[in-house]
Amino acid sequence: MIELSTTAKAAPAAPGRRGLVVSWDVVVLVALVLVAVIGAATIDGVASPRFWRFVTLEVVPIAIIALPMTLVVITGEIDLSVASTLGLTCAVMGDLWAHGVTSLPLLIALCLLLGAVLGAVNGLFVTVFGLPSLAVTIGTLALYRGLAYVVLGDKAVADYPVAWTDAAIDPIPGLTIPWVIIVVAVLAVLFGVLLHATPVGRGLYAMGNNTEAARFAGIAVARTKFWLFVATGTMASLAGVFWTFRFASARADNGNGLELAVVAAVLLGGVSIFGGRGGMIGVIGAVLLLSTLRNALQLANVPANTLTIITGSLLIASVVGPNVVGMARERLRRRRSAKSSTT
């Protein structure tokens, strides 16, 4: 059985870990259910299939990027350039299409290769030159977005085949949920298995807890982190391809600011910003929670500035919450141990 948990301190069998892990997953999933139920009861339109169609379409690019981002953050690193990678992918995709590259399978393959190269640039700076990933990816966040404007400028390329643009939003037969959510589900299972059921995943937790100890244990820390950045770049480009087809438009500003939603979902899902703790169930639940909450509040005509404040507050709560829960459970465990020792 695969144990999909949101807090692991290194090895999956760490003592006392499971209770804390499950409890934070439950908090996120219960919050998702409460938001959905309360929203459906108080806001017109939330209970409609159309609403959930928009929620799932919004979830797709965020979830695609959040999956590899979870692995990166667990190792104690971060990639803030993902939204700019998405935007540069869209710009290159539009420019190549406008200049006669009309084979869309080839175009998609080139875009994914571009994402891998952009991720490799981040990985090289972090693993070869030893620079902090926060500083590196803030720099490439600006660099890649600037390159997107150099490639495409303020133009929009929007003459893609209707069959491809419709395929990005077509529902599953008999349902209103778009079929691409199946792709996200498959990717989530693959990343979840990698993280929770393989030696590679255990190595990621070890790196996040103590890099030097992981290195002495024989884990190829630098090489692993390099390929994680390649993965985030590739998946960000895949999200860019979806974004272009969903909106039938390639623009340099596509996905602007999306990195905030991705990081918020990863941290709200229980992944520690300091590394060494986290899992897939909480992250997927947090992606759905944030998207449902945001769309419900938009239907309630909540101003955009208020939505930003709420997202920021949840981001803070995502950092503080798991630590508070962990402290409470540890205190309860010690109290029970003290009682058992006196009896």
C-alpha atoms as a PDB file:
ATOM      1  CA  MET A   1       0.000   0.000   0.000  1.00  0.00           C
ATOM      2  CA  ILE A   2       1.270   3.454  -0.846  1.00  0.00           C
ATOM      3  CA  GLU A   3       1.243   5.799   2.117  1.00  0.00           C
ATOM      4  CA  LEU A   4       0.398   9.231   0.772  1.00  0.00           C
ATOM      5  CA  SER A   5       1.270  11.548   3.647  1.00  0.00           C
ATOM      6  CA  THR A   6       1.906  15.214   4.044  1.00  0.00           C
ATOM      7  CA  THR A   7       4.570  15.222   6.693  1.00  0.00           C
ATOM      8  CA  ALA A   8       7.505  12.898   6.598  1.00  0.00           C
ATOM      9  CA  LYS A   9      10.652  13.689   8.445  1.00  0.00           C
ATOM     10  CA  ALA A  10      12.974  11.556   6.360  1.00  0.00           C
ATOM     11  CA  ALA A  11      12.051   7.934   6.195  1.00  0.00           C
ATOM     12  CA  PRO A  12       8.410   6.988   5.881  1.00  0.00           C
ATOM     13  CA  ALA A  13       8.564   4.940   9.055  1.00  0.00           C
ATOM     14  CA  ALA A  14       9.559   7.841  11.283  1.00  0.00           C
ATOM     15  CA  PRO A  15       7.996   7.381  14.723  1.00  0.00           C
ATOM     16  CA  GLY A  16       4.976   9.476  15.524  1.00  0.00           C
ATOM     17  CA  ARG A  17       4.826  10.860  12.000  1.00  0.00           C
ATOM     18  CA  ARG A  18       1.637   9.265  10.736  1.00  0.00           C
ATOM     19  CA  GLY A  19      -0.740  10.947  13.194  1.00  0.00           C
ATOM     20  CA  LEU A  20       0.501  14.427  12.396  1.00  0.00           C
ATOM     21  CA  VAL A  21       0.571  13.680   8.689  1.00  0.00           C
ATOM     22  CA  VAL A  22      -2.961  12.369   8.433  1.00  0.00           C
ATOM     23  CA  SER A  23      -4.351  15.152  10.602  1.00  0.00           C
ATOM     24  CA  TRP A  24      -3.067  17.904   8.298  1.00  0.00           C
ATOM     25  CA  ASP A  25      -4.366  16.088   5.215  1.00  0.00           C
ATOM     26  CA  VAL A  26      -7.727  15.831   6.933  1.00  0.00           C
ATOM     27  CA  VAL A  27      -7.681  19.543   7.805  1.00  0.00           C
ATOM     28  CA  VAL A  28      -7.133  20.466   4.151  1.00  0.00           C
ATOM     29  CA  LEU A  29      -9.713  18.013   2.804  1.00  0.00           C
ATOM     30  CA  VAL A  30     -12.315  18.985   5.393  1.00  0.00           C
ATOM     31  CA  ALA A  31     -11.727  22.650   4.561  1.00  0.00           C
ATOM     32  CA  LEU A  32     -12.289  21.814   0.885  1.00  0.00           C
ATOM     33  CA  VAL A  33     -15.586  20.083   1.666  1.00  0.00           C
ATOM     34  CA  LEU A  34     -16.729  22.948   3.926  1.00  0.00           C
ATOM     35  CA  VAL A  35     -15.929  25.585   1.301  1.00  0.00           C
ATOM     36  CA  ALA A  36     -17.813  23.598  -1.343  1.00  0.00           C
ATOM     37  CA  VAL A  37     -20.854  22.949   0.859  1.00  0.00           C
ATOM     38  CA  ILE A  38     -21.088  26.446   2.333  1.00  0.00           C
ATOM     39  CA  GLY A  39     -20.480  28.004  -1.069  1.00  0.00           C
ATOM     40  CA  ALA A  40     -23.201  25.889  -2.671  1.00  0.00           C
ATOM     41  CA  ALA A  41     -25.627  26.864   0.097  1.00  0.00           C
ATOM     42  CA  THR A  42     -24.921  30.594   0.124  1.00  0.00           C
ATOM     43  CA  ILE A  43     -23.681  31.620  -3.338  1.00  0.00           C
ATOM     44  CA  ASP A  44     -25.756  31.261  -6.482  1.00  0.00           C
ATOM     45  CA  GLY A  45     -24.018  29.172  -9.109  1.00  0.00           C
ATOM     46  CA  VAL A  46     -21.531  27.273  -6.930  1.00  0.00           C
ATOM     47  CA  ALA A  47     -23.635  24.114  -7.051  1.00  0.00           C
ATOM     48  CA  SER A  48     -23.863  24.213 -10.846  1.00  0.00           C
ATOM     49  CA  PRO A  49     -21.842  21.902 -13.121  1.00  0.00           C
ATOM     50  CA  ARG A  50     -20.601  24.991 -14.965  1.00  0.00           C
ATOM     51  CA  PHE A  51     -18.898  26.247 -11.800  1.00  0.00           C
ATOM     52  CA  TRP A  52     -17.006  22.991 -11.274  1.00  0.00           C
ATOM     53  CA  ARG A  53     -16.007  22.970 -14.915  1.00  0.00           C
ATOM     54  CA  PHE A  54     -14.254  26.312 -14.418  1.00  0.00           C
ATOM     55  CA  VAL A  55     -12.705  25.130 -11.159  1.00  0.00           C
ATOM     56  CA  THR A  56     -11.178  22.051 -12.775  1.00  0.00           C
ATOM     57  CA  LEU A  57      -9.927  24.019 -15.785  1.00  0.00           C
ATOM     58  CA  GLU A  58      -8.219  26.455 -13.415  1.00  0.00           C
ATOM     59  CA  VAL A  59      -6.771  23.601 -11.386  1.00  0.00           C
ATOM     60  CA  VAL A  60      -4.997  21.957 -14.343  1.00  0.00           C
ATOM     61  CA  PRO A  61      -1.978  24.275 -14.847  1.00  0.00           C
ATOM     62  CA  ILE A  62      -1.544  24.909 -11.115  1.00  0.00           C
ATOM     63  CA  ALA A  63      -1.617  21.194 -10.296  1.00  0.00           C
ATOM     64  CA  ILE A  64       0.728  20.264 -13.156  1.00  0.00           C
ATOM     65  CA  ILE A  65       3.358  22.665 -11.801  1.00  0.00           C
ATOM     66  CA  ALA A  66       2.653  21.955  -8.118  1.00  0.00           C
ATOM     67  CA  LEU A  67       3.494  18.251  -8.502  1.00  0.00           C
ATOM     68  CA  PRO A  68       7.226  18.673  -9.225  1.00  0.00           C
ATOM     69  CA  MET A  69       7.332  21.801  -7.057  1.00  0.00           C
ATOM     70  CA  THR A  70       6.347  19.605  -4.109  1.00  0.00           C
ATOM     71  CA  LEU A  71       9.444  17.485  -4.633  1.00  0.00           C
ATOM     72  CA  VAL A  72      11.657  20.549  -4.998  1.00  0.00           C
ATOM     73  CA  VAL A  73      10.401  22.168  -1.782  1.00  0.00           C
ATOM     74  CA  ILE A  74      10.720  18.906   0.144  1.00  0.00           C
ATOM     75  CA  THR A  75      14.453  18.977  -0.643  1.00  0.00           C
ATOM     76  CA  GLY A  76      14.676  22.480   0.830  1.00  0.00           C
ATOM     77  CA  GLU A  77      14.768  24.340  -2.511  1.00  0.00           C
ATOM     78  CA  ILE A  78      12.198  26.385  -4.444  1.00  0.00           C
ATOM     79  CA  ASP A  79      11.544  27.429  -8.044  1.00  0.00           C
ATOM     80  CA  LEU A  80       9.844  30.793  -8.450  1.00  0.00           C
ATOM     81  CA  SER A  81      10.468  30.967 -12.202  1.00  0.00           C
ATOM     82  CA  VAL A  82       7.744  28.481 -13.161  1.00  0.00           C
ATOM     83  CA  ALA A  83       5.161  31.063 -14.247  1.00  0.00           C
ATOM     84  CA  SER A  84       7.764  32.856 -16.380  1.00  0.00           C
ATOM     85  CA  THR A  85       8.774  29.507 -17.889  1.00  0.00           C
ATOM     86  CA  LEU A  86       5.112  29.009 -18.753  1.00  0.00           C
ATOM     87  CA  GLY A  87       4.950  32.474 -20.321  1.00  0.00           C
ATOM     88  CA  LEU A  88       8.154  32.010 -22.346  1.00  0.00           C
ATOM     89  CA  THR A  89       6.858  28.638 -23.559  1.00  0.00           C
ATOM     90  CA  CYS A  90       3.651  30.282 -24.755  1.00  0.00           C
ATOM     91  CA  ALA A  91       5.627  33.030 -26.496  1.00  0.00           C
ATOM     92  CA  VAL A  92       7.945  30.592 -28.282  1.00  0.00           C
ATOM     93  CA  MET A  93       4.997  28.388 -29.209  1.00  0.00           C
ATOM     94  CA  GLY A  94       3.193  31.365 -30.718  1.00  0.00           C
ATOM     95  CA  ASP A  95       6.266  32.642 -32.552  1.00  0.00           C
ATOM     96  CA  LEU A  96       7.111  29.249 -34.069  1.00  0.00           C
ATOM     97  CA  TRP A  97       3.504  28.752 -35.135  1.00  0.00           C
ATOM     98  CA  ALA A  98       3.433  32.201 -36.727  1.00  0.00           C
ATOM     99  CA  HIS A  99       6.650  31.388 -38.621  1.00  0.00           C
ATOM    100  CA  GLY A 100       5.355  28.195 -40.184  1.00  0.00           C
ATOM    101  CA  VAL A 101       5.947  25.383 -37.680  1.00  0.00           C
ATOM    102  CA  THR A 102       2.489  23.931 -38.157  1.00  0.00           C
ATOM    103  CA  SER A 103       3.093  20.398 -36.877  1.00  0.00           C
ATOM    104  CA  LEU A 104       1.601  20.691 -33.421  1.00  0.00           C
ATOM    105  CA  PRO A 105       3.119  17.443 -32.055  1.00  0.00           C
ATOM    106  CA  LEU A 106       6.549  18.753 -33.094  1.00  0.00           C
ATOM    107  CA  LEU A 107       5.734  22.163 -31.648  1.00  0.00           C
ATOM    108  CA  ILE A 108       4.694  20.659 -28.324  1.00  0.00           C
ATOM    109  CA  ALA A 109       7.843  18.524 -28.195  1.00  0.00           C
ATOM    110  CA  LEU A 110      10.002  21.617 -28.814  1.00  0.00           C
ATOM    111  CA  CYS A 111       8.174  23.484 -26.053  1.00  0.00           C
ATOM    112  CA  LEU A 112       8.756  20.667 -23.565  1.00  0.00           C
ATOM    113  CA  LEU A 113      12.420  20.602 -24.557  1.00  0.00           C
ATOM    114  CA  LEU A 114      12.578  24.355 -23.983  1.00  0.00           C
ATOM    115  CA  GLY A 115      11.103  23.900 -20.502  1.00  0.00           C
ATOM    116  CA  ALA A 116      13.686  21.235 -19.703  1.00  0.00           C
ATOM    117  CA  VAL A 117      16.493  23.580 -20.798  1.00  0.00           C
ATOM    118  CA  LEU A 118      15.115  26.470 -18.726  1.00  0.00           C
ATOM    119  CA  GLY A 119      14.835  24.188 -15.704  1.00  0.00           C
ATOM    120  CA  ALA A 120      18.377  22.920 -16.327  1.00  0.00           C
ATOM    121  CA  VAL A 121      19.662  26.507 -16.213  1.00  0.00           C
ATOM    122  CA  ASN A 122      18.171  26.887 -12.738  1.00  0.00           C
ATOM    123  CA  GLY A 123      19.544  23.512 -11.720  1.00  0.00           C
ATOM    124  CA  LEU A 124      23.059  24.321 -12.897  1.00  0.00           C
ATOM    125  CA  PHE A 125      23.199  27.574 -10.946  1.00  0.00           C
ATOM    126  CA  VAL A 126      21.932  25.844  -7.797  1.00  0.00           C
ATOM    127  CA  THR A 127      23.866  22.572  -7.927  1.00  0.00           C
ATOM    128  CA  VAL A 128      27.087  23.482  -9.773  1.00  0.00           C
ATOM    129  CA  PHE A 129      27.662  27.037  -8.594  1.00  0.00           C
ATOM    130  CA  GLY A 130      26.068  26.494  -5.181  1.00  0.00           C
ATOM    131  CA  LEU A 131      23.786  29.519  -5.368  1.00  0.00           C
ATOM    132  CA  PRO A 132      20.570  29.659  -3.305  1.00  0.00           C
ATOM    133  CA  SER A 133      17.556  28.591  -5.352  1.00  0.00           C
ATOM    134  CA  LEU A 134      15.468  31.486  -4.046  1.00  0.00           C
ATOM    135  CA  ALA A 135      17.887  34.066  -5.466  1.00  0.00           C
ATOM    136  CA  VAL A 136      18.481  32.136  -8.694  1.00  0.00           C
ATOM    137  CA  THR A 137      14.826  31.646  -9.532  1.00  0.00           C
ATOM    138  CA  ILE A 138      13.872  35.209  -8.655  1.00  0.00           C
ATOM    139  CA  GLY A 139      16.453  36.208 -11.242  1.00  0.00           C
ATOM    140  CA  THR A 140      15.228  33.774 -13.878  1.00  0.00           C
ATOM    141  CA  LEU A 141      11.646  34.754 -13.088  1.00  0.00           C
ATOM    142  CA  ALA A 142      12.468  38.207 -14.462  1.00  0.00           C
ATOM    143  CA  LEU A 143      14.806  36.900 -17.175  1.00  0.00           C
ATOM    144  CA  TYR A 144      12.406  34.368 -18.686  1.00  0.00           C
ATOM    145  CA  ARG A 145       9.486  36.787 -18.628  1.00  0.00           C
ATOM    146  CA  GLY A 146      11.632  39.426 -20.300  1.00  0.00           C
ATOM    147  CA  LEU A 147      12.675  36.929 -22.974  1.00  0.00           C
ATOM    148  CA  ALA A 148       9.010  36.125 -23.570  1.00  0.00           C
ATOM    149  CA  TYR A 149       8.396  39.764 -24.463  1.00  0.00           C
ATOM    150  CA  VAL A 150      11.510  39.806 -26.643  1.00  0.00           C
ATOM    151  CA  VAL A 151      10.232  36.777 -28.569  1.00  0.00           C
ATOM    152  CA  LEU A 152       6.597  37.795 -29.011  1.00  0.00           C
ATOM    153  CA  GLY A 153       6.276  41.378 -27.799  1.00  0.00           C
ATOM    154  CA  ASP A 154       2.736  42.501 -27.133  1.00  0.00           C
ATOM    155  CA  LYS A 155       1.297  40.356 -29.927  1.00  0.00           C
ATOM    156  CA  ALA A 156      -1.106  37.481 -29.474  1.00  0.00           C
ATOM    157  CA  VAL A 157      -1.119  34.417 -31.715  1.00  0.00           C
ATOM    158  CA  ALA A 158      -4.589  32.931 -31.786  1.00  0.00           C
ATOM    159  CA  ASP A 159      -5.111  31.023 -35.043  1.00  0.00           C
ATOM    160  CA  TYR A 160      -4.601  27.498 -33.722  1.00  0.00           C
ATOM    161  CA  PRO A 161      -6.744  24.645 -35.096  1.00  0.00           C
ATOM    162  CA  VAL A 162     -10.141  24.517 -33.425  1.00  0.00           C
ATOM    163  CA  ALA A 163      -9.799  20.777 -32.894  1.00  0.00           C
ATOM    164  CA  TRP A 164      -6.801  21.366 -30.612  1.00  0.00           C
ATOM    165  CA  THR A 165      -8.238  24.296 -28.704  1.00  0.00           C
ATOM    166  CA  ASP A 166     -11.515  22.450 -28.169  1.00  0.00           C
ATOM    167  CA  ALA A 167      -9.639  19.349 -26.998  1.00  0.00           C
ATOM    168  CA  ALA A 168      -8.124  21.358 -24.139  1.00  0.00           C
ATOM    169  CA  ILE A 169     -11.551  22.095 -22.683  1.00  0.00           C
ATOM    170  CA  ASP A 170     -13.731  19.233 -23.937  1.00  0.00           C
ATOM    171  CA  PRO A 171     -15.542  17.424 -21.111  1.00  0.00           C
ATOM    172  CA  ILE A 172     -15.441  13.753 -20.268  1.00  0.00           C
ATOM    173  CA  PRO A 173     -18.391  12.152 -22.106  1.00  0.00           C
ATOM    174  CA  GLY A 174     -21.471  12.400 -19.916  1.00  0.00           C
ATOM    175  CA  LEU A 175     -19.839  14.865 -17.503  1.00  0.00           C
ATOM    176  CA  THR A 176     -18.962  18.547 -17.433  1.00  0.00           C
ATOM    177  CA  ILE A 177     -15.451  18.023 -16.047  1.00  0.00           C
ATOM    178  CA  PRO A 178     -12.783  18.442 -18.763  1.00  0.00           C
ATOM    179  CA  TRP A 179     -10.968  15.278 -19.783  1.00  0.00           C
ATOM    180  CA  VAL A 180      -7.529  16.830 -19.156  1.00  0.00           C
ATOM    181  CA  ILE A 181      -8.176  16.365 -15.438  1.00  0.00           C
ATOM    182  CA  ILE A 182      -7.498  12.658 -16.127  1.00  0.00           C
ATOM    183  CA  VAL A 183      -4.000  13.616 -17.288  1.00  0.00           C
ATOM    184  CA  VAL A 184      -3.493  15.542 -14.038  1.00  0.00           C
ATOM    185  CA  ALA A 185      -4.730  12.552 -12.019  1.00  0.00           C
ATOM    186  CA  VAL A 186      -2.305  10.198 -13.782  1.00  0.00           C
ATOM    187  CA  LEU A 187       0.589  12.605 -13.208  1.00  0.00           C
ATOM    188  CA  ALA A 188      -0.411  12.972  -9.538  1.00  0.00           C
ATOM    189  CA  VAL A 189      -0.309   9.184  -9.084  1.00  0.00           C
ATOM    190  CA  LEU A 190       3.091   8.955 -10.785  1.00  0.00           C
ATOM    191  CA  PHE A 191       4.604  11.731  -8.674  1.00  0.00           C
ATOM    192  CA  GLY A 192       2.933  10.333  -5.562  1.00  0.00           C
ATOM    193  CA  VAL A 193       4.398   6.878  -6.154  1.00  0.00           C
ATOM    194  CA  LEU A 194       7.821   8.407  -6.817  1.00  0.00           C
ATOM    195  CA  LEU A 195       7.697  10.403  -3.589  1.00  0.00           C
ATOM    196  CA  HIS A 196       6.108   7.895  -1.236  1.00  0.00           C
ATOM    197  CA  ALA A 197       7.001   4.445  -2.539  1.00  0.00           C
ATOM    198  CA  THR A 198      10.541   4.602  -3.937  1.00  0.00           C
ATOM    199  CA  PRO A 199      14.063   5.059  -2.574  1.00  0.00           C
ATOM    200  CA  VAL A 200      14.231   8.298  -4.552  1.00  0.00           C
ATOM    201  CA  GLY A 201      11.391   9.736  -2.512  1.00  0.00           C
ATOM    202  CA  ARG A 202      12.992   8.709   0.759  1.00  0.00           C
ATOM    203  CA  GLY A 203      16.172  10.399  -0.441  1.00  0.00           C
ATOM    204  CA  LEU A 204      14.265  13.630  -1.069  1.00  0.00           C
ATOM    205  CA  TYR A 205      13.053  13.715   2.533  1.00  0.00           C
ATOM    206  CA  ALA A 206      16.578  12.966   3.731  1.00  0.00           C
ATOM    207  CA  MET A 207      17.954  15.869   1.686  1.00  0.00           C
ATOM    208  CA  GLY A 208      15.370  18.226   3.106  1.00  0.00           C
ATOM    209  CA  ASN A 209      16.186  17.261   6.674  1.00  0.00           C
ATOM    210  CA  ASN A 210      19.976  17.224   6.444  1.00  0.00           C
ATOM    211  CA  THR A 211      21.792  17.645   3.143  1.00  0.00           C
ATOM    212  CA  GLU A 212      25.188  16.663   4.509  1.00  0.00           C
ATOM    213  CA  ALA A 213      23.847  13.528   6.165  1.00  0.00           C
ATOM    214  CA  ALA A 214      22.097  12.581   2.924  1.00  0.00           C
ATOM    215  CA  ARG A 215      25.343  13.069   1.018  1.00  0.00           C
ATOM    216  CA  PHE A 216      27.259  10.887   3.479  1.00  0.00           C
ATOM    217  CA  ALA A 217      24.534   8.270   3.113  1.00  0.00           C
ATOM    218  CA  GLY A 218      25.408   7.996  -0.569  1.00  0.00           C
ATOM    219  CA  ILE A 219      22.544  10.055  -2.015  1.00  0.00           C
ATOM    220  CA  ALA A 220      23.515  12.012  -5.137  1.00  0.00           C
ATOM    221  CA  VAL A 221      22.197  15.300  -3.784  1.00  0.00           C
ATOM    222  CA  ALA A 222      23.390  17.650  -6.538  1.00  0.00           C
ATOM    223  CA  ARG A 223      22.348  15.361  -9.382  1.00  0.00           C
ATOM    224  CA  THR A 224      18.915  14.722  -7.871  1.00  0.00           C
ATOM    225  CA  LYS A 225      18.226  18.406  -7.326  1.00  0.00           C
ATOM    226  CA  PHE A 226      19.371  19.206 -10.863  1.00  0.00           C
ATOM    227  CA  TRP A 227      16.848  16.783 -12.354  1.00  0.00           C
ATOM    228  CA  LEU A 228      14.110  18.105 -10.093  1.00  0.00           C
ATOM    229  CA  PHE A 229      14.618  21.581 -11.566  1.00  0.00           C
ATOM    230  CA  VAL A 230      14.537  20.039 -15.046  1.00  0.00           C
ATOM    231  CA  ALA A 231      11.221  18.426 -14.083  1.00  0.00           C
ATOM    232  CA  THR A 232       9.693  21.683 -12.845  1.00  0.00           C
ATOM    233  CA  GLY A 233      10.755  23.436 -16.056  1.00  0.00           C
ATOM    234  CA  THR A 234       9.330  20.677 -18.241  1.00  0.00           C
ATOM    235  CA  MET A 235       6.035  20.555 -16.357  1.00  0.00           C
ATOM    236  CA  ALA A 236       5.755  24.355 -16.413  1.00  0.00           C
ATOM    237  CA  SER A 237       6.119  24.186 -20.206  1.00  0.00           C
ATOM    238  CA  LEU A 238       3.443  21.477 -20.354  1.00  0.00           C
ATOM    239  CA  ALA A 239       1.186  23.825 -18.390  1.00  0.00           C
ATOM    240  CA  GLY A 240       2.062  26.547 -20.913  1.00  0.00           C
ATOM    241  CA  VAL A 241       0.961  24.336 -23.797  1.00  0.00           C
ATOM    242  CA  PHE A 242      -2.342  23.672 -22.048  1.00  0.00           C
ATOM    243  CA  TRP A 243      -2.743  27.379 -21.252  1.00  0.00           C
ATOM    244  CA  THR A 244      -2.237  28.328 -24.909  1.00  0.00           C
ATOM    245  CA  PHE A 245      -4.804  25.841 -26.161  1.00  0.00           C
ATOM    246  CA  ARG A 246      -7.299  26.540 -23.382  1.00  0.00           C
ATOM    247  CA  PHE A 247      -7.427  30.266 -24.116  1.00  0.00           C
ATOM    248  CA  ALA A 248      -6.613  29.802 -27.829  1.00  0.00           C
ATOM    249  CA  SER A 249      -3.998  32.506 -27.458  1.00  0.00           C
ATOM    250  CA  ALA A 250      -0.226  32.625 -27.044  1.00  0.00           C
ATOM    251  CA  ARG A 251       0.891  35.770 -25.222  1.00  0.00           C
ATOM    252  CA  ALA A 252       4.051  36.772 -23.403  1.00  0.00           C
ATOM    253  CA  ASP A 253       2.086  37.572 -20.237  1.00  0.00           C
ATOM    254  CA  ASN A 254       0.353  34.196 -20.015  1.00  0.00           C
ATOM    255  CA  GLY A 255       0.406  32.829 -16.467  1.00  0.00           C
ATOM    256  CA  ASN A 256       1.685  36.065 -14.971  1.00  0.00           C
ATOM    257  CA  GLY A 257       1.712  35.686 -11.160  1.00  0.00           C
ATOM    258  CA  LEU A 258       0.824  31.981 -11.253  1.00  0.00           C
ATOM    259  CA  GLU A 259       3.849  31.117  -9.119  1.00  0.00           C
ATOM    260  CA  LEU A 260       2.046  32.564  -6.068  1.00  0.00           C
ATOM    261  CA  ALA A 261      -0.866  30.157  -6.525  1.00  0.00           C
ATOM    262  CA  VAL A 262       1.516  27.218  -6.962  1.00  0.00           C
ATOM    263  CA  VAL A 263       3.627  28.007  -3.894  1.00  0.00           C
ATOM    264  CA  ALA A 264       0.514  28.727  -1.825  1.00  0.00           C
ATOM    265  CA  ALA A 265      -0.963  25.338  -2.772  1.00  0.00           C
ATOM    266  CA  VAL A 266       2.255  23.463  -1.992  1.00  0.00           C
ATOM    267  CA  LEU A 267       2.698  25.085   1.414  1.00  0.00           C
ATOM    268  CA  LEU A 268      -0.991  24.942   2.318  1.00  0.00           C
ATOM    269  CA  GLY A 269      -0.843  21.244   1.441  1.00  0.00           C
ATOM    270  CA  GLY A 270       1.530  20.690   4.349  1.00  0.00           C
ATOM    271  CA  VAL A 271       4.926  20.861   2.640  1.00  0.00           C
ATOM    272  CA  SER A 272       7.443  22.562   4.907  1.00  0.00           C
ATOM    273  CA  ILE A 273       9.186  25.556   3.371  1.00  0.00           C
ATOM    274  CA  PHE A 274      12.309  24.344   5.214  1.00  0.00           C
ATOM    275  CA  GLY A 275      12.175  20.943   3.529  1.00  0.00           C
ATOM    276  CA  GLY A 276      11.933  17.385   4.807  1.00  0.00           C
ATOM    277  CA  ARG A 277       8.162  17.244   5.175  1.00  0.00           C
ATOM    278  CA  GLY A 278       5.204  17.049   2.812  1.00  0.00           C
ATOM    279  CA  GLY A 279       3.173  14.843   0.507  1.00  0.00           C
ATOM    280  CA  MET A 280       0.861  14.695  -2.475  1.00  0.00           C
ATOM    281  CA  ILE A 281      -2.605  14.279  -0.956  1.00  0.00           C
ATOM    282  CA  GLY A 282      -2.419  17.543   0.950  1.00  0.00           C
ATOM    283  CA  VAL A 283      -1.036  19.418  -2.064  1.00  0.00           C
ATOM    284  CA  ILE A 284      -3.762  18.199  -4.424  1.00  0.00           C
ATOM    285  CA  GLY A 285      -6.384  19.009  -1.787  1.00  0.00           C
ATOM    286  CA  ALA A 286      -4.918  22.484  -1.358  1.00  0.00           C
ATOM    287  CA  VAL A 287      -4.945  23.115  -5.123  1.00  0.00           C
ATOM    288  CA  LEU A 288      -8.640  22.241  -5.230  1.00  0.00           C
ATOM    289  CA  LEU A 289      -9.360  24.233  -2.057  1.00  0.00           C
ATOM    290  CA  LEU A 290      -7.736  27.435  -3.323  1.00  0.00           C
ATOM    291  CA  SER A 291      -9.373  27.190  -6.739  1.00  0.00           C
ATOM    292  CA  THR A 292     -12.814  26.466  -5.272  1.00  0.00           C
ATOM    293  CA  LEU A 293     -12.518  29.306  -2.763  1.00  0.00           C
ATOM    294  CA  ARG A 294     -11.283  31.789  -5.356  1.00  0.00           C
ATOM    295  CA  ASN A 295     -14.011  30.980  -7.883  1.00  0.00           C
ATOM    296  CA  ALA A 296     -16.746  30.989  -5.225  1.00  0.00           C
ATOM    297  CA  LEU A 297     -15.664  34.407  -3.962  1.00  0.00           C
ATOM    298  CA  GLN A 298     -15.554  35.731  -7.509  1.00  0.00           C
ATOM    299  CA  LEU A 299     -19.158  34.605  -7.976  1.00  0.00           C
ATOM    300  CA  ALA A 300     -19.958  36.484  -4.770  1.00  0.00           C
ATOM    301  CA  ASN A 301     -18.461  39.624  -6.373  1.00  0.00           C
ATOM    302  CA  VAL A 302     -15.583  39.828  -3.894  1.00  0.00           C
ATOM    303  CA  PRO A 303     -13.029  42.405  -5.171  1.00  0.00           C
ATOM    304  CA  ALA A 304      -9.786  41.134  -6.680  1.00  0.00           C
ATOM    305  CA  ASN A 305      -7.737  42.896  -3.993  1.00  0.00           C
ATOM    306  CA  THR A 306      -9.613  41.004  -1.300  1.00  0.00           C
ATOM    307  CA  LEU A 307      -8.902  37.729  -3.093  1.00  0.00           C
ATOM    308  CA  THR A 308      -5.205  38.571  -3.041  1.00  0.00           C
ATOM    309  CA  ILE A 309      -5.380  39.292   0.693  1.00  0.00           C
ATOM    310  CA  ILE A 310      -7.120  35.971   1.302  1.00  0.00           C
ATOM    311  CA  THR A 311      -4.515  34.078  -0.743  1.00  0.00           C
ATOM    312  CA  GLY A 312      -1.715  35.763   1.199  1.00  0.00           C
ATOM    313  CA  SER A 313      -3.388  34.968   4.512  1.00  0.00           C
ATOM    314  CA  LEU A 314      -3.747  31.325   3.542  1.00  0.00           C
ATOM    315  CA  LEU A 315      -0.083  31.286   2.548  1.00  0.00           C
ATOM    316  CA  ILE A 316       0.866  32.478   6.042  1.00  0.00           C
ATOM    317  CA  ALA A 317      -1.531  29.986   7.600  1.00  0.00           C
ATOM    318  CA  SER A 318       0.033  27.206   5.521  1.00  0.00           C
ATOM    319  CA  VAL A 319       3.410  27.920   7.094  1.00  0.00           C
ATOM    320  CA  VAL A 320       2.143  28.371  10.664  1.00  0.00           C
ATOM    321  CA  GLY A 321      -0.636  25.763  10.680  1.00  0.00           C
ATOM    322  CA  PRO A 322       1.323  22.498  10.354  1.00  0.00           C
ATOM    323  CA  ASN A 323       3.832  23.680  12.956  1.00  0.00           C
ATOM    324  CA  VAL A 324       1.057  24.533  15.411  1.00  0.00           C
ATOM    325  CA  VAL A 325      -0.597  21.152  14.832  1.00  0.00           C
ATOM    326  CA  GLY A 326       2.756  19.416  15.270  1.00  0.00           C
ATOM    327  CA  MET A 327       3.496  21.244  18.513  1.00  0.00           C
ATOM    328  CA  ALA A 328       0.036  20.416  19.871  1.00  0.00           C
ATOM    329  CA  ARG A 329       0.360  16.733  19.038  1.00  0.00           C
ATOM    330  CA  GLU A 330       3.862  16.566  20.497  1.00  0.00           C
ATOM    331  CA  ARG A 331       2.641  18.187  23.703  1.00  0.00           C
ATOM    332  CA  LEU A 332      -0.247  15.713  23.867  1.00  0.00           C
ATOM    333  CA  ARG A 333       2.142  12.814  23.258  1.00  0.00           C
ATOM    334  CA  ARG A 334       4.424  13.948  26.096  1.00  0.00           C
ATOM    335  CA  ARG A 335       1.469  14.382  28.439  1.00  0.00           C
ATOM    336  CA  ARG A 336       0.262  10.866  27.680  1.00  0.00           C
ATOM    337  CA  SER A 337       3.783   9.502  28.160  1.00  0.00           C
ATOM    338  CA  ALA A 338       4.039  11.252  31.523  1.00  0.00           C
ATOM    339  CA  LYS A 339       0.696   9.809  32.646  1.00  0.00           C
ATOM    340  CA  SER A 340       1.649   6.298  31.538  1.00  0.00           C
ATOM    341  CA  SER A 341       4.967   6.483  33.391  1.00  0.00           C
ATOM    342  CA  THR A 342       3.243   7.465  36.642  1.00  0.00           C
ATOM    343  CA  THR A 343       0.711   4.664  36.505  1.00  0.00           C
END
